[in-house]
């Protein structure tokens, strides 16, 4: 069985930076914050290998307060009676064009999730 789900939504990110340093006899203090809200569209496909095991691929892309945001992750899942456990690798990126404190950001790494089915 193969399934494709389409989605639309929003991604919100709040960043706060506080920096304090002692340089010789002087002190440096810097503080900044930013709120980013982007609309996104995406898709997820699930490819079942058996009644319990499946591959899952997810991707979305969006824009709004940022120039571009996107994420993608492949994963493998195991289906229990009412719960799925999914493990994979996720990459999430924001591209900004304001040239301020917060520039392009990328987050990557392993992920572990739980899905509840009702």
C-alpha atoms as a PDB file:
ATOM      1  CA  UNK A   1       0.000   0.000   0.000  1.00  0.00           C
ATOM      2  CA  UNK A   2       1.214   3.503  -0.865  1.00  0.00           C
ATOM      3  CA  UNK A   3      -0.448   6.678   0.389  1.00  0.00           C
ATOM      4  CA  UNK A   4       0.083  10.371  -0.414  1.00  0.00           C
ATOM      5  CA  UNK A   5      -1.142  13.143   1.906  1.00  0.00           C
ATOM      6  CA  UNK A   6      -1.078  16.846   0.963  1.00  0.00           C
ATOM      7  CA  UNK A   7      -0.965  19.563   3.598  1.00  0.00           C
ATOM      8  CA  UNK A   8      -1.082  23.304   4.140  1.00  0.00           C
ATOM      9  CA  UNK A   9      -0.282  25.116   7.343  1.00  0.00           C
ATOM     10  CA  UNK A  10       2.026  27.552   9.099  1.00  0.00           C
ATOM     11  CA  UNK A  11       5.462  27.437  10.720  1.00  0.00           C
ATOM     12  CA  UNK A  12       6.268  29.808  13.598  1.00  0.00           C
ATOM     13  CA  UNK A  13       9.722  30.383  15.019  1.00  0.00           C
ATOM     14  CA  UNK A  14      10.769  32.719  17.855  1.00  0.00           C
ATOM     15  CA  UNK A  15      14.442  33.525  18.317  1.00  0.00           C
ATOM     16  CA  UNK A  16      16.044  35.301  21.276  1.00  0.00           C
ATOM     17  CA  UNK A  17      19.751  36.122  21.550  1.00  0.00           C
ATOM     18  CA  UNK A  18      21.470  37.528  24.627  1.00  0.00           C
ATOM     19  CA  UNK A  19      25.235  38.012  24.506  1.00  0.00           C
ATOM     20  CA  UNK A  20      27.470  39.321  27.299  1.00  0.00           C
ATOM     21  CA  UNK A  21      31.278  39.511  27.183  1.00  0.00           C
ATOM     22  CA  UNK A  22      34.036  41.117  29.199  1.00  0.00           C
ATOM     23  CA  UNK A  23      36.761  42.541  26.959  1.00  0.00           C
ATOM     24  CA  UNK A  24      39.493  44.051  29.046  1.00  0.00           C
ATOM     25  CA  UNK A  25      37.982  46.829  31.138  1.00  0.00           C
ATOM     26  CA  UNK A  26      34.811  47.110  29.040  1.00  0.00           C
ATOM     27  CA  UNK A  27      31.695  45.005  28.791  1.00  0.00           C
ATOM     28  CA  UNK A  28      29.780  44.117  25.641  1.00  0.00           C
ATOM     29  CA  UNK A  29      26.039  43.482  25.883  1.00  0.00           C
ATOM     30  CA  UNK A  30      23.902  42.569  22.897  1.00  0.00           C
ATOM     31  CA  UNK A  31      20.306  41.416  22.744  1.00  0.00           C
ATOM     32  CA  UNK A  32      17.945  40.768  19.816  1.00  0.00           C
ATOM     33  CA  UNK A  33      14.790  38.794  19.091  1.00  0.00           C
ATOM     34  CA  UNK A  34      12.708  37.953  16.056  1.00  0.00           C
ATOM     35  CA  UNK A  35       9.383  36.266  15.329  1.00  0.00           C
ATOM     36  CA  UNK A  36       9.007  34.435  12.018  1.00  0.00           C
ATOM     37  CA  UNK A  37       5.670  33.212  10.659  1.00  0.00           C
ATOM     38  CA  UNK A  38       5.530  31.442   7.296  1.00  0.00           C
ATOM     39  CA  UNK A  39       2.768  29.717   5.366  1.00  0.00           C
ATOM     40  CA  UNK A  40       3.746  26.242   4.154  1.00  0.00           C
ATOM     41  CA  UNK A  41       2.543  23.579   1.735  1.00  0.00           C
ATOM     42  CA  UNK A  42       3.826  20.021   1.690  1.00  0.00           C
ATOM     43  CA  UNK A  43       3.317  16.343   1.139  1.00  0.00           C
ATOM     44  CA  UNK A  44       3.945  13.051   2.903  1.00  0.00           C
ATOM     45  CA  UNK A  45       4.033   9.642   1.314  1.00  0.00           C
ATOM     46  CA  UNK A  46       3.960   6.310   3.103  1.00  0.00           C
ATOM     47  CA  UNK A  47       5.102   3.097   1.456  1.00  0.00           C
ATOM     48  CA  UNK A  48       4.102  -0.024   3.407  1.00  0.00           C
ATOM     49  CA  UNK A  49       6.354  -3.078   3.327  1.00  0.00           C
ATOM     50  CA  UNK A  50       4.177  -5.181   5.575  1.00  0.00           C
ATOM     51  CA  UNK A  51       1.199  -4.743   7.856  1.00  0.00           C
ATOM     52  CA  UNK A  52       3.459  -3.076  10.456  1.00  0.00           C
ATOM     53  CA  UNK A  53       6.623  -1.709   8.734  1.00  0.00           C
ATOM     54  CA  UNK A  54       6.672   1.275   6.357  1.00  0.00           C
ATOM     55  CA  UNK A  55       8.844   4.009   4.867  1.00  0.00           C
ATOM     56  CA  UNK A  56       7.715   7.600   5.279  1.00  0.00           C
ATOM     57  CA  UNK A  57       8.896  10.639   3.288  1.00  0.00           C
ATOM     58  CA  UNK A  58       7.867  14.182   4.234  1.00  0.00           C
ATOM     59  CA  UNK A  59       8.685  17.564   2.635  1.00  0.00           C
ATOM     60  CA  UNK A  60       7.286  21.097   2.861  1.00  0.00           C
ATOM     61  CA  UNK A  61       8.188  24.548   1.589  1.00  0.00           C
ATOM     62  CA  UNK A  62       6.940  28.008   2.483  1.00  0.00           C
ATOM     63  CA  UNK A  63       7.457  31.722   2.726  1.00  0.00           C
ATOM     64  CA  UNK A  64       6.137  34.727   4.594  1.00  0.00           C
ATOM     65  CA  UNK A  65       8.256  36.605   7.111  1.00  0.00           C
ATOM     66  CA  UNK A  66      11.269  34.656   5.837  1.00  0.00           C
ATOM     67  CA  UNK A  67      12.445  34.543   2.238  1.00  0.00           C
ATOM     68  CA  UNK A  68      12.116  30.744   2.142  1.00  0.00           C
ATOM     69  CA  UNK A  69      11.668  27.913   4.619  1.00  0.00           C
ATOM     70  CA  UNK A  70      11.687  24.207   3.895  1.00  0.00           C
ATOM     71  CA  UNK A  71      12.106  20.865   5.586  1.00  0.00           C
ATOM     72  CA  UNK A  72      12.451  17.270   4.504  1.00  0.00           C
ATOM     73  CA  UNK A  73      12.773  13.975   6.294  1.00  0.00           C
ATOM     74  CA  UNK A  74      12.837  10.316   5.362  1.00  0.00           C
ATOM     75  CA  UNK A  75      11.974   7.798   8.043  1.00  0.00           C
ATOM     76  CA  UNK A  76      11.048   4.249   8.845  1.00  0.00           C
ATOM     77  CA  UNK A  77       7.987   3.454  10.920  1.00  0.00           C
ATOM     78  CA  UNK A  78       6.555   0.584  12.904  1.00  0.00           C
ATOM     79  CA  UNK A  79       2.789   0.378  13.498  1.00  0.00           C
ATOM     80  CA  UNK A  80       1.417  -0.903  16.816  1.00  0.00           C
ATOM     81  CA  UNK A  81      -2.326  -1.171  17.558  1.00  0.00           C
ATOM     82  CA  UNK A  82      -3.045   2.562  18.082  1.00  0.00           C
ATOM     83  CA  UNK A  83       0.463   4.063  17.962  1.00  0.00           C
ATOM     84  CA  UNK A  84       3.240   4.337  15.353  1.00  0.00           C
ATOM     85  CA  UNK A  85       6.911   4.891  16.161  1.00  0.00           C
ATOM     86  CA  UNK A  86       8.896   6.660  13.442  1.00  0.00           C
ATOM     87  CA  UNK A  87      12.675   7.210  13.297  1.00  0.00           C
ATOM     88  CA  UNK A  88      14.441   9.215  10.620  1.00  0.00           C
ATOM     89  CA  UNK A  89      16.674  12.132   9.719  1.00  0.00           C
ATOM     90  CA  UNK A  90      15.334  15.689   9.461  1.00  0.00           C
ATOM     91  CA  UNK A  91      16.654  18.849   7.808  1.00  0.00           C
ATOM     92  CA  UNK A  92      14.935  22.194   8.455  1.00  0.00           C
ATOM     93  CA  UNK A  93      16.088  25.489   6.873  1.00  0.00           C
ATOM     94  CA  UNK A  94      15.190  29.182   6.904  1.00  0.00           C
ATOM     95  CA  UNK A  95      16.526  31.713   4.417  1.00  0.00           C
ATOM     96  CA  UNK A  96      16.140  35.354   5.395  1.00  0.00           C
ATOM     97  CA  UNK A  97      17.006  38.497   3.486  1.00  0.00           C
ATOM     98  CA  UNK A  98      16.957  41.140   6.220  1.00  0.00           C
ATOM     99  CA  UNK A  99      20.743  41.015   6.865  1.00  0.00           C
ATOM    100  CA  UNK A 100      20.162  41.527  10.579  1.00  0.00           C
ATOM    101  CA  UNK A 101      21.304  39.311  13.467  1.00  0.00           C
ATOM    102  CA  UNK A 102      19.460  36.266  12.194  1.00  0.00           C
ATOM    103  CA  UNK A 103      20.560  35.105   8.782  1.00  0.00           C
ATOM    104  CA  UNK A 104      20.141  31.731   7.126  1.00  0.00           C
ATOM    105  CA  UNK A 105      19.632  28.917   9.639  1.00  0.00           C
ATOM    106  CA  UNK A 106      19.765  25.160   9.186  1.00  0.00           C
ATOM    107  CA  UNK A 107      18.968  22.390  11.629  1.00  0.00           C
ATOM    108  CA  UNK A 108      19.729  18.746  10.840  1.00  0.00           C
ATOM    109  CA  UNK A 109      19.799  15.558  12.821  1.00  0.00           C
ATOM    110  CA  UNK A 110      18.146  12.318  13.795  1.00  0.00           C
ATOM    111  CA  UNK A 111      14.536  12.338  14.907  1.00  0.00           C
ATOM    112  CA  UNK A 112      12.225  10.026  16.780  1.00  0.00           C
ATOM    113  CA  UNK A 113       8.467  10.496  16.785  1.00  0.00           C
ATOM    114  CA  UNK A 114       5.250   8.911  17.955  1.00  0.00           C
ATOM    115  CA  UNK A 115       1.943   9.048  16.035  1.00  0.00           C
ATOM    116  CA  UNK A 116      -1.343   8.376  17.794  1.00  0.00           C
ATOM    117  CA  UNK A 117      -4.261   7.048  15.741  1.00  0.00           C
ATOM    118  CA  UNK A 118      -7.854   7.511  16.894  1.00  0.00           C
END
